C-alpha atoms as a PDB file:
ATOM      1  CA  MET A   1     -26.087  44.436   6.592  1.00  0.00           C
ATOM      2  CA  SER A   2     -26.613  42.234   3.530  1.00  0.00           C
ATOM      3  CA  PRO A   3     -28.276  38.791   3.852  1.00  0.00           C
ATOM      4  CA  LEU A   4     -24.916  37.123   3.103  1.00  0.00           C
ATOM      5  CA  ASP A   5     -23.127  39.164   5.773  1.00  0.00           C
ATOM      6  CA  SER A   6     -25.857  38.232   8.260  1.00  0.00           C
ATOM      7  CA  LEU A   7     -25.480  34.539   7.352  1.00  0.00           C
ATOM      8  CA  ILE A   8     -21.706  34.663   7.818  1.00  0.00           C
ATOM      9  CA  ARG A   9     -22.036  36.385  11.190  1.00  0.00           C
ATOM     10  CA  ASN A  10     -24.592  33.827  12.381  1.00  0.00           C
ATOM     11  CA  LEU A  11     -22.531  30.864  11.159  1.00  0.00           C
ATOM     12  CA  TYR A  12     -19.480  31.880  13.165  1.00  0.00           C
ATOM     13  CA  ALA A  13     -21.589  32.867  16.178  1.00  0.00           C
ATOM     14  CA  VAL A  14     -23.143  29.395  16.257  1.00  0.00           C
ATOM     15  CA  SER A  15     -19.703  27.771  16.031  1.00  0.00           C
ATOM     16  CA  LEU A  16     -18.704  29.444  19.306  1.00  0.00           C
ATOM     17  CA  GLU A  17     -21.922  28.921  21.231  1.00  0.00           C
ATOM     18  CA  VAL A  18     -22.715  25.187  21.140  1.00  0.00           C
ATOM     19  CA  ASP A  19     -21.167  21.729  20.842  1.00  0.00           C
ATOM     20  CA  TRP A  20     -19.622  21.063  17.417  1.00  0.00           C
ATOM     21  CA  ARG A  21     -22.286  18.517  16.449  1.00  0.00           C
ATOM     22  CA  THR A  22     -25.115  20.902  17.297  1.00  0.00           C
ATOM     23  CA  ALA A  23     -23.203  23.703  15.577  1.00  0.00           C
ATOM     24  CA  ARG A  24     -23.152  21.697  12.337  1.00  0.00           C
ATOM     25  CA  GLU A  25     -26.901  21.079  12.481  1.00  0.00           C
ATOM     26  CA  ARG A  26     -27.679  24.734  13.136  1.00  0.00           C
ATOM     27  CA  ALA A  27     -25.236  25.945  10.498  1.00  0.00           C
ATOM     28  CA  LEU A  28     -26.847  23.716   7.873  1.00  0.00           C
ATOM     29  CA  GLY A  29     -30.258  25.031   8.878  1.00  0.00           C
ATOM     30  CA  LEU A  30     -29.021  28.605   8.477  1.00  0.00           C
ATOM     31  CA  LEU A  31     -27.652  27.809   5.004  1.00  0.00           C
ATOM     32  CA  VAL A  32     -30.889  26.115   3.885  1.00  0.00           C
ATOM     33  CA  ARG A  33     -32.987  29.081   5.007  1.00  0.00           C
ATOM     34  CA  TYR A  34     -30.622  31.606   3.450  1.00  0.00           C
ATOM     35  CA  LEU A  35     -30.718  29.844   0.063  1.00  0.00           C
ATOM     36  CA  GLY A  36     -34.478  29.283   0.207  1.00  0.00           C
ATOM     37  CA  ALA A  37     -34.063  25.513  -0.046  1.00  0.00           C
ATOM     38  CA  ASP A  38     -36.466  22.949   1.409  1.00  0.00           C
ATOM     39  CA  GLY A  39     -33.861  20.519   2.718  1.00  0.00           C
ATOM     40  CA  GLY A  40     -30.187  19.727   2.773  1.00  0.00           C
ATOM     41  CA  ALA A  41     -27.429  17.374   3.870  1.00  0.00           C
ATOM     42  CA  TRP A  42     -23.760  17.935   4.603  1.00  0.00           C
ATOM     43  CA  LEU A  43     -20.828  15.519   4.786  1.00  0.00           C
ATOM     44  CA  THR A  44     -17.270  16.468   5.749  1.00  0.00           C
ATOM     45  CA  THR A  45     -14.555  13.921   4.949  1.00  0.00           C
ATOM     46  CA  GLY A  46     -10.813  13.606   4.625  1.00  0.00           C
ATOM     47  CA  GLY A  47      -9.552  13.286   1.060  1.00  0.00           C
ATOM     48  CA  GLY A  48     -10.707   9.876  -0.195  1.00  0.00           C
ATOM     49  CA  SER A  49     -12.000   8.888   3.238  1.00  0.00           C
ATOM     50  CA  LEU A  50     -14.834   6.411   3.687  1.00  0.00           C
ATOM     51  CA  GLY A  51     -16.608   8.372   6.399  1.00  0.00           C
ATOM     52  CA  GLY A  52     -16.854  11.611   8.261  1.00  0.00           C
ATOM     53  CA  ALA A  53     -19.170  14.014  10.050  1.00  0.00           C
ATOM     54  CA  TYR A  54     -22.693  14.017   8.587  1.00  0.00           C
ATOM     55  CA  SER A  55     -25.584  16.383   9.214  1.00  0.00           C
ATOM     56  CA  GLU A  56     -28.985  16.764   7.565  1.00  0.00           C
ATOM     57  CA  THR A  57     -32.200  18.728   7.957  1.00  0.00           C
ATOM     58  CA  THR A  58     -35.497  17.067   8.827  1.00  0.00           C
ATOM     59  CA  GLN A  59     -36.746  14.953   5.914  1.00  0.00           C
ATOM     60  CA  SER A  60     -33.827  16.028   3.785  1.00  0.00           C
ATOM     61  CA  GLY A  61     -34.288  13.247   1.255  1.00  0.00           C
ATOM     62  CA  PHE A  62     -30.551  12.549   1.309  1.00  0.00           C
ATOM     63  CA  SER A  63     -28.295  10.064   3.103  1.00  0.00           C
ATOM     64  CA  LYS A  64     -24.671   9.801   4.153  1.00  0.00           C
ATOM     65  CA  ALA A  65     -24.127   6.899   1.750  1.00  0.00           C
ATOM     66  CA  GLY A  66     -25.667   8.953  -1.047  1.00  0.00           C
ATOM     67  CA  LEU A  67     -23.306  11.861  -0.484  1.00  0.00           C
ATOM     68  CA  LEU A  68     -20.331   9.504  -0.223  1.00  0.00           C
ATOM     69  CA  GLY A  69     -21.319   8.068  -3.606  1.00  0.00           C
ATOM     70  CA  LEU A  70     -21.359  11.380  -5.448  1.00  0.00           C
ATOM     71  CA  ARG A  71     -18.592  11.783  -7.999  1.00  0.00           C
ATOM     72  CA  PHE A  72     -17.293  15.213  -8.944  1.00  0.00           C
ATOM     73  CA  ARG A  73     -14.773  16.170 -11.607  1.00  0.00           C
ATOM     74  CA  ASP A  74     -11.881  18.274 -10.320  1.00  0.00           C
ATOM     75  CA  ASP A  75     -12.790  21.077 -12.701  1.00  0.00           C
ATOM     76  CA  GLU A  76     -16.532  20.866 -11.937  1.00  0.00           C
ATOM     77  CA  PRO A  77     -17.163  20.915  -8.171  1.00  0.00           C
ATOM     78  CA  LEU A  78     -20.881  21.627  -8.742  1.00  0.00           C
ATOM     79  CA  LEU A  79     -23.009  18.808 -10.161  1.00  0.00           C
ATOM     80  CA  PRO A  80     -25.531  19.798 -12.873  1.00  0.00           C
ATOM     81  CA  PRO A  81     -29.225  20.180 -11.954  1.00  0.00           C
ATOM     82  CA  THR A  82     -31.307  17.016 -11.788  1.00  0.00           C
ATOM     83  CA  SER A  83     -34.334  16.259 -13.935  1.00  0.00           C
ATOM     84  CA  SER A  84     -36.518  14.993 -11.086  1.00  0.00           C
ATOM     85  CA  ALA A  85     -39.750  16.544  -9.810  1.00  0.00           C
ATOM     86  CA  PHE A  86     -37.660  18.790  -7.561  1.00  0.00           C
ATOM     87  CA  GLN A  87     -34.349  20.544  -8.012  1.00  0.00           C
ATOM     88  CA  VAL A  88     -31.143  19.290  -6.368  1.00  0.00           C
ATOM     89  CA  ARG A  89     -27.749  20.965  -6.365  1.00  0.00           C
ATOM     90  CA  ALA A  90     -24.678  19.223  -4.952  1.00  0.00           C
ATOM     91  CA  LEU A  91     -21.413  21.023  -4.281  1.00  0.00           C
ATOM     92  CA  ARG A  92     -17.933  19.774  -3.376  1.00  0.00           C
ATOM     93  CA  GLN A  93     -16.112  22.407  -1.290  1.00  0.00           C
ATOM     94  CA  PRO A  94     -12.447  21.920  -0.230  1.00  0.00           C
ATOM     95  CA  HIS A  95     -11.570  23.422   3.149  1.00  0.00           C
ATOM     96  CA  GLU A  96      -8.999  26.151   3.462  1.00  0.00           C
ATOM     97  CA  GLY A  97      -5.413  24.945   3.956  1.00  0.00           C
ATOM     98  CA  GLY A  98      -6.025  21.205   4.225  1.00  0.00           C
ATOM     99  CA  ARG A  99      -7.366  18.032   2.647  1.00  0.00           C
ATOM    100  CA  LEU A 100     -10.789  18.151   4.272  1.00  0.00           C
ATOM    101  CA  VAL A 101     -13.722  18.367   1.884  1.00  0.00           C
ATOM    102  CA  SER A 102     -17.360  19.268   2.515  1.00  0.00           C
ATOM    103  CA  VAL A 103     -20.016  17.828   0.214  1.00  0.00           C
ATOM    104  CA  VAL A 104     -23.347  19.650   0.467  1.00  0.00           C
ATOM    105  CA  ALA A 105     -26.579  18.642  -1.268  1.00  0.00           C
ATOM    106  CA  LEU A 106     -29.644  20.919  -1.287  1.00  0.00           C
ATOM    107  CA  ARG A 107     -33.188  20.328  -2.474  1.00  0.00           C
ATOM    108  CA  TRP A 108     -35.819  22.769  -3.778  1.00  0.00           C
ATOM    109  CA  ASN A 109     -39.328  21.277  -4.016  1.00  0.00           C
ATOM    110  CA  ASP A 110     -40.598  24.063  -6.250  1.00  0.00           C
ATOM    111  CA  ARG A 111     -39.016  23.790  -9.698  1.00  0.00           C
ATOM    112  CA  LYS A 112     -40.130  27.340 -10.468  1.00  0.00           C
ATOM    113  CA  LYS A 113     -37.845  28.637  -7.726  1.00  0.00           C
ATOM    114  CA  PRO A 114     -34.335  28.879  -9.188  1.00  0.00           C
ATOM    115  CA  PRO A 115     -31.361  27.714  -7.078  1.00  0.00           C
ATOM    116  CA  PRO A 116     -28.723  30.353  -6.310  1.00  0.00           C
ATOM    117  CA  GLU A 117     -25.887  31.183  -8.664  1.00  0.00           C
ATOM    118  CA  PRO A 118     -22.904  28.806  -8.288  1.00  0.00           C
ATOM    119  CA  GLN A 119     -20.621  31.563  -6.986  1.00  0.00           C
ATOM    120  CA  LEU A 120     -23.084  32.542  -4.237  1.00  0.00           C
ATOM    121  CA  LEU A 121     -23.653  28.893  -3.300  1.00  0.00           C
ATOM    122  CA  ALA A 122     -19.908  28.157  -3.146  1.00  0.00           C
ATOM    123  CA  GLY A 123     -19.208  31.228  -1.017  1.00  0.00           C
ATOM    124  CA  ALA A 124     -21.920  30.426   1.515  1.00  0.00           C
ATOM    125  CA  VAL A 125     -20.854  26.769   1.786  1.00  0.00           C
ATOM    126  CA  ALA A 126     -17.195  27.778   2.220  1.00  0.00           C
ATOM    127  CA  HIS A 127     -18.068  29.902   5.246  1.00  0.00           C
ATOM    128  CA  MET A 128     -20.233  27.132   6.684  1.00  0.00           C
ATOM    129  CA  ALA A 129     -17.377  24.644   6.311  1.00  0.00           C
ATOM    130  CA  GLU A 130     -14.844  26.898   8.048  1.00  0.00           C
ATOM    131  CA  ALA A 131     -17.280  27.715  10.856  1.00  0.00           C
ATOM    132  CA  ALA A 132     -17.653  23.965  11.458  1.00  0.00           C
ATOM    133  CA  VAL A 133     -13.880  23.534  11.729  1.00  0.00           C
ATOM    134  CA  LEU A 134     -13.807  26.406  14.214  1.00  0.00           C
ATOM    135  CA  ALA A 135     -16.447  24.658  16.342  1.00  0.00           C
ATOM    136  CA  MET A 136     -14.455  21.415  16.332  1.00  0.00           C
ATOM    137  CA  ARG A 137     -11.238  23.253  17.071  1.00  0.00           C
ATOM    138  CA  GLN A 138     -12.817  24.899  20.097  1.00  0.00           C
ATOM    139  CA  PHE A 139     -14.081  21.501  21.281  1.00  0.00           C
ATOM    140  CA  VAL A 140     -10.701  19.727  21.142  1.00  0.00           C
ATOM    141  CA  GLN A 141      -8.886  22.688  22.660  1.00  0.00           C
ATOM    142  CA  ARG A 142     -10.927  22.656  25.881  1.00  0.00           C
ATOM    143  CA  ASP A 143      -8.685  20.137  27.696  1.00  0.00           C
ATOM    144  CA  GLU A 144      -5.772  22.512  27.269  1.00  0.00           C
ATOM    145  CA  TRP A 145      -7.839  25.300  28.779  1.00  0.00           C
ATOM    146  CA  LEU A 146      -8.569  23.033  31.752  1.00  0.00           C
ATOM    147  CA  ARG A 147      -4.870  22.307  32.158  1.00  0.00           C
ATOM    148  CA  ASP A 148      -4.040  26.023  32.037  1.00  0.00           C
ATOM    149  CA  MET A 149      -6.539  26.557  34.849  1.00  0.00           C
ATOM    150  CA  GLY A 150      -4.868  23.826  36.917  1.00  0.00           C
ATOM    151  CA  ARG A 151      -7.750  21.372  36.537  1.00  0.00           C
ATOM    152  CA  PRO A 152      -7.454  17.654  35.682  1.00  0.00           C
ATOM    153  CA  ASN A 153      -7.897  16.801  32.007  1.00  0.00           C
ATOM    154  CA  ARG A 154      -7.721  13.785  29.738  1.00  0.00           C
ATOM    155  CA  GLY A 155      -4.772  14.922  27.634  1.00  0.00           C
ATOM    156  CA  ALA A 156      -4.450  16.383  24.163  1.00  0.00           C
ATOM    157  CA  ALA A 157      -7.444  15.815  21.894  1.00  0.00           C
ATOM    158  CA  ALA A 158      -8.338  15.482  18.220  1.00  0.00           C
ATOM    159  CA  LEU A 159     -11.333  14.526  16.102  1.00  0.00           C
ATOM    160  CA  VAL A 160     -10.383  12.035  13.391  1.00  0.00           C
ATOM    161  CA  ASP A 161     -12.263   9.880  10.908  1.00  0.00           C
ATOM    162  CA  VAL A 162     -12.166   6.125  10.438  1.00  0.00           C
ATOM    163  CA  ARG A 163      -8.956   6.336   8.393  1.00  0.00           C
ATOM    164  CA  GLY A 164      -7.216   8.540  10.947  1.00  0.00           C
ATOM    165  CA  VAL A 165      -7.575  11.768   8.958  1.00  0.00           C
ATOM    166  CA  VAL A 166      -7.547  14.639  11.455  1.00  0.00           C
ATOM    167  CA  HIS A 167     -10.527  16.990  11.230  1.00  0.00           C
ATOM    168  CA  ALA A 168      -9.417  19.117  14.198  1.00  0.00           C
ATOM    169  CA  GLY A 169      -6.526  18.726  16.641  1.00  0.00           C
ATOM    170  CA  SER A 170      -5.456  20.739  19.671  1.00  0.00           C
ATOM    171  CA  ASP A 171      -2.033  22.357  19.913  1.00  0.00           C
ATOM    172  CA  ARG A 172      -0.745  19.719  22.356  1.00  0.00           C
ATOM    173  CA  PHE A 173      -2.035  16.931  20.120  1.00  0.00           C
ATOM    174  CA  THR A 174      -0.033  18.407  17.256  1.00  0.00           C
ATOM    175  CA  GLU A 175       3.091  18.457  19.429  1.00  0.00           C
ATOM    176  CA  LEU A 176       2.648  14.853  20.557  1.00  0.00           C
ATOM    177  CA  MET A 177       1.980  13.526  17.052  1.00  0.00           C
ATOM    178  CA  THR A 178       4.916  15.455  15.625  1.00  0.00           C
ATOM    179  CA  THR A 179       7.247  13.512  17.894  1.00  0.00           C
ATOM    180  CA  LEU A 180       5.872  10.314  16.330  1.00  0.00           C
ATOM    181  CA  GLY A 181       6.232  11.590  12.783  1.00  0.00           C
ATOM    182  CA  GLY A 182       2.462  11.619  12.267  1.00  0.00           C
ATOM    183  CA  GLY A 183       0.258  14.410  11.006  1.00  0.00           C
ATOM    184  CA  SER A 184      -2.196  16.235  13.217  1.00  0.00           C
ATOM    185  CA  SER A 185      -3.110  19.369  11.282  1.00  0.00           C
ATOM    186  CA  ASN A 186      -6.497  19.453   9.567  1.00  0.00           C
ATOM    187  CA  GLY A 187      -6.573  16.962   6.713  1.00  0.00           C
ATOM    188  CA  GLU A 188      -3.402  15.115   7.727  1.00  0.00           C
ATOM    189  CA  ARG A 189      -3.453  11.470   8.727  1.00  0.00           C
ATOM    190  CA  LEU A 190      -2.248   9.860  11.938  1.00  0.00           C
ATOM    191  CA  SER A 191       0.846   7.695  11.625  1.00  0.00           C
ATOM    192  CA  PHE A 192      -1.052   4.708  13.029  1.00  0.00           C
ATOM    193  CA  PRO A 193      -4.507   3.208  12.360  1.00  0.00           C
ATOM    194  CA  LEU A 194      -7.273   3.210  14.929  1.00  0.00           C
ATOM    195  CA  PRO A 195      -7.765  -0.320  16.298  1.00  0.00           C
ATOM    196  CA  GLU A 196     -10.767  -1.976  14.658  1.00  0.00           C
ATOM    197  CA  ASN A 197     -12.151  -3.121  17.993  1.00  0.00           C
ATOM    198  CA  MET A 198     -12.467   0.545  19.063  1.00  0.00           C
ATOM    199  CA  LEU A 199     -14.438   1.783  16.064  1.00  0.00           C
ATOM    200  CA  ASP A 200     -17.792   0.967  17.673  1.00  0.00           C
ATOM    201  CA  GLU A 201     -17.202   1.652  21.358  1.00  0.00           C
ATOM    202  CA  THR A 202     -14.939   3.601  23.671  1.00  0.00           C
ATOM    203  CA  GLY A 203     -11.564   2.024  24.457  1.00  0.00           C
ATOM    204  CA  ALA A 204      -7.909   2.766  25.155  1.00  0.00           C
ATOM    205  CA  PHE A 205      -4.581   1.498  23.834  1.00  0.00           C
ATOM    206  CA  VAL A 206      -0.875   2.333  24.013  1.00  0.00           C
ATOM    207  CA  ARG A 207       1.076   3.175  20.863  1.00  0.00           C
ATOM    208  CA  ASP A 208       4.625   4.513  20.439  1.00  0.00           C
ATOM    209  CA  GLY A 209       4.899   5.548  24.060  1.00  0.00           C
ATOM    210  CA  LEU A 210       1.505   7.298  24.191  1.00  0.00           C
ATOM    211  CA  HIS A 211      -1.708   6.357  25.959  1.00  0.00           C
ATOM    212  CA  LEU A 212      -4.640   6.901  23.573  1.00  0.00           C
ATOM    213  CA  ARG A 213      -8.335   6.818  24.361  1.00  0.00           C
ATOM    214  CA  VAL A 214     -10.822   6.546  21.470  1.00  0.00           C
ATOM    215  CA  GLU A 215     -14.510   7.477  21.637  1.00  0.00           C
ATOM    216  CA  PRO A 216     -16.938   7.363  18.661  1.00  0.00           C
ATOM    217  CA  MET A 217     -18.544  10.775  18.232  1.00  0.00           C
ATOM    218  CA  GLY A 218     -20.817  12.115  15.517  1.00  0.00           C
ATOM    219  CA  GLY A 219     -19.400  10.060  12.658  1.00  0.00           C
ATOM    220  CA  LEU A 220     -15.863  10.837  13.811  1.00  0.00           C
ATOM    221  CA  TYR A 221     -13.674   9.619  16.681  1.00  0.00           C
ATOM    222  CA  LEU A 222     -12.538  11.705  19.625  1.00  0.00           C
ATOM    223  CA  VAL A 223      -8.941  10.704  20.409  1.00  0.00           C
ATOM    224  CA  HIS A 224      -7.256  11.759  23.657  1.00  0.00           C
ATOM    225  CA  ALA A 225      -3.488  11.307  23.683  1.00  0.00           C
ATOM    226  CA  ARG A 226      -1.105  11.663  26.624  1.00  0.00           C
ATOM    227  CA  LYS A 227       2.058  10.232  28.061  1.00  0.00           C
ATOM    228  CA  PRO A 228       1.350   7.024  30.031  1.00  0.00           C
ATOM    229  CA  LEU A 229       0.717   7.432  33.763  1.00  0.00           C
ATOM    230  CA  PRO A 230       1.469   4.953  36.562  1.00  0.00           C
ATOM    231  CA  LEU A 231      -2.248   4.449  37.184  1.00  0.00           C
ATOM    232  CA  ASP A 232      -2.780   3.152  33.637  1.00  0.00           C
ATOM    233  CA  VAL A 233      -1.820  -0.341  34.865  1.00  0.00           C
ATOM    234  CA  LEU A 234      -4.834  -0.311  37.210  1.00  0.00           C
ATOM    235  CA  SER A 235      -8.408  -1.234  36.412  1.00  0.00           C
ATOM    236  CA  PRO A 236     -10.979   1.615  36.347  1.00  0.00           C
ATOM    237  CA  ARG A 237     -12.165   0.651  39.859  1.00  0.00           C
ATOM    238  CA  GLU A 238      -8.595   0.492  41.166  1.00  0.00           C
ATOM    239  CA  GLN A 239      -7.844   3.881  39.618  1.00  0.00           C
ATOM    240  CA  GLN A 240     -10.756   5.499  41.416  1.00  0.00           C
ATOM    241  CA  ILE A 241      -9.803   3.946  44.729  1.00  0.00           C
ATOM    242  CA  ALA A 242      -6.135   4.872  44.251  1.00  0.00           C
ATOM    243  CA  ARG A 243      -7.083   8.491  43.586  1.00  0.00           C
ATOM    244  CA  ALA A 244      -9.308   8.543  46.664  1.00  0.00           C
ATOM    245  CA  LEU A 245      -6.603   7.045  48.853  1.00  0.00           C
ATOM    246  CA  GLY A 246      -4.040   9.415  47.380  1.00  0.00           C
ATOM    247  CA  ALA A 247      -6.333  12.302  48.323  1.00  0.00           C
ATOM    248  CA  GLY A 248      -6.194  11.209  51.977  1.00  0.00           C
ATOM    249  CA  LYS A 249      -9.545   9.446  52.273  1.00  0.00           C
ATOM    250  CA  THR A 250      -9.864   6.635  54.828  1.00  0.00           C
ATOM    251  CA  PHE A 251     -10.823   3.088  53.906  1.00  0.00           C
ATOM    252  CA  LYS A 252     -14.196   3.706  55.541  1.00  0.00           C
ATOM    253  CA  SER A 253     -14.937   6.861  53.533  1.00  0.00           C
ATOM    254  CA  VAL A 254     -13.818   5.185  50.287  1.00  0.00           C
ATOM    255  CA  ALA A 255     -16.076   2.220  51.057  1.00  0.00           C
ATOM    256  CA  ARG A 256     -19.006   4.558  51.640  1.00  0.00           C
ATOM    257  CA  GLN A 257     -18.257   6.521  48.453  1.00  0.00           C
ATOM    258  CA  CYS A 258     -18.038   3.368  46.330  1.00  0.00           C
ATOM    259  CA  ASP A 259     -20.790   1.462  48.151  1.00  0.00           C
ATOM    260  CA  ILE A 260     -18.531  -1.487  48.907  1.00  0.00           C
ATOM    261  CA  ALA A 261     -17.251  -3.122  52.109  1.00  0.00           C
ATOM    262  CA  VAL A 262     -14.223  -1.761  53.965  1.00  0.00           C
ATOM    263  CA  SER A 263     -12.542  -5.139  53.555  1.00  0.00           C
ATOM    264  CA  THR A 264     -13.015  -4.855  49.781  1.00  0.00           C
ATOM    265  CA  VAL A 265     -11.269  -1.477  49.819  1.00  0.00           C
ATOM    266  CA  ALA A 266      -8.398  -3.056  51.762  1.00  0.00           C
ATOM    267  CA  ASN A 267      -8.109  -5.847  49.188  1.00  0.00           C
ATOM    268  CA  HIS A 268      -8.072  -3.306  46.369  1.00  0.00           C
ATOM    269  CA  ALA A 269      -5.399  -1.278  48.185  1.00  0.00           C
ATOM    270  CA  THR A 270      -3.189  -4.380  48.444  1.00  0.00           C
ATOM    271  CA  ARG A 271      -3.467  -5.009  44.689  1.00  0.00           C
ATOM    272  CA  ILE A 272      -2.921  -1.320  43.907  1.00  0.00           C
ATOM    273  CA  TYR A 273       0.275  -1.173  45.965  1.00  0.00           C
ATOM    274  CA  ARG A 274       1.553  -4.360  44.366  1.00  0.00           C
ATOM    275  CA  LYS A 275       0.879  -3.196  40.809  1.00  0.00           C
ATOM    276  CA  LEU A 276       2.445   0.210  41.432  1.00  0.00           C
ATOM    277  CA  GLY A 277       5.421  -1.146  43.354  1.00  0.00           C
ATOM    278  CA  VAL A 278       4.741   0.871  46.521  1.00  0.00           C
ATOM    279  CA  PHE A 279       4.305  -0.292  50.115  1.00  0.00           C
ATOM    280  CA  ARG A 280       2.706   2.621  51.982  1.00  0.00           C
ATOM    281  CA  ARG A 281       0.074   5.266  51.368  1.00  0.00           C
ATOM    282  CA  GLU A 282       2.773   7.959  51.583  1.00  0.00           C
ATOM    283  CA  GLU A 283       4.548   6.384  48.614  1.00  0.00           C
ATOM    284  CA  LEU A 284       1.272   6.258  46.685  1.00  0.00           C
ATOM    285  CA  VAL A 285       0.658   9.962  47.358  1.00  0.00           C
ATOM    286  CA  GLU A 286       4.177  10.863  46.258  1.00  0.00           C
ATOM    287  CA  LEU A 287       3.885   8.745  43.103  1.00  0.00           C
ATOM    288  CA  MET A 288       0.660  10.500  42.140  1.00  0.00           C
ATOM    289  CA  ARG A 289       2.030  13.938  42.971  1.00  0.00           C
ATOM    290  CA  SER A 290       5.218  13.452  40.953  1.00  0.00           C
ATOM    291  CA  SER A 291       3.164  12.179  38.002  1.00  0.00           C
ATOM    292  CA  GLY A 292       0.798  15.151  38.109  1.00  0.00           C
ATOM    293  CA  ILE A 293      -2.209  12.940  38.854  1.00  0.00           C
ATOM    294  CA  GLY A 294      -5.015  14.739  40.653  1.00  0.00           C
ATOM    295  CA  PRO A 295      -7.636  13.166  42.910  1.00  0.00           C
ATOM    296  CA  ALA A 296     -10.842  11.796  41.448  1.00  0.00           C
ATOM    297  CA  THR A 297     -13.604  14.373  41.107  1.00  0.00           C
ATOM    298  CA  GLY A 298     -17.332  13.746  41.254  1.00  0.00           C
ATOM    299  CA  ALA A 299     -16.799  10.054  41.935  1.00  0.00           C
ATOM    300  CA  GLY A 300     -19.957   8.085  42.372  1.00  0.00           C
ATOM    301  CA  LYS A 301     -20.830   4.453  42.882  1.00  0.00           C
ATOM    302  CA  LEU A 302     -18.804   1.860  41.055  1.00  0.00           C
ATOM    303  CA  ALA A 303     -20.278  -1.046  39.197  1.00  0.00           C
ATOM    304  CA  ALA A 304     -19.814  -4.422  40.775  1.00  0.00           C
END
């Protein structure tokens, strides 16, 4: 097996073995070692996007802002060598079948050690970029696997950047976004912007008949989309108690589980019934069953 074949095999193996963020770090390390470089950095963005997923080796000498600032000509995706004390090569690699672009910068400390030929460099980076997309695709698809196994999940998922450009979306996410007229394939953009108040912390909002939950993740945003559920009108504490009651737990057992008084559980139950428009536990159970809402799993103590 040639060194390039071994690199390709290892890149795709890594993409299937670990979380997508770890997969990117390991893939970059594999590329750096294969090319004999001393450091490297890697940024994946949507076309013209301001941000994206960024990875770098230890003491790479690069930065995300630096890679964002690089300017390539369409007919010259490889920048010329630098005249500094070390050698740097920067490559702009479009992803297959989409508008995603990977920008990779590599550094050789020894100027006597020649960087690889452009064709070899471009081929290796192309495989690294596609392996990264595979890792992200596997990550966003996992909720659909949970659903197929009959386990609760958080809905269809996608990884998008700050401008809503999709880096990886599950099959169900594609279906949901298609109904809204928005893109969800790699490189396409959502039909709506992410709320600015959710770009720094996890939050949820409703848009065009969908409940969307946004979580910052590795320079991108993990977006879960699903049809709204009756329990969405409840607070997080009320949702947990409603699920516990719907699963048949007594007020006493719910109080013990949540480390609150039985009377507090009763007060929550009154508010839950009022918000959901039900009057008895049996109606709550039926509402949850008809909506496909499962009981809470692994519930622990709730914050006061």
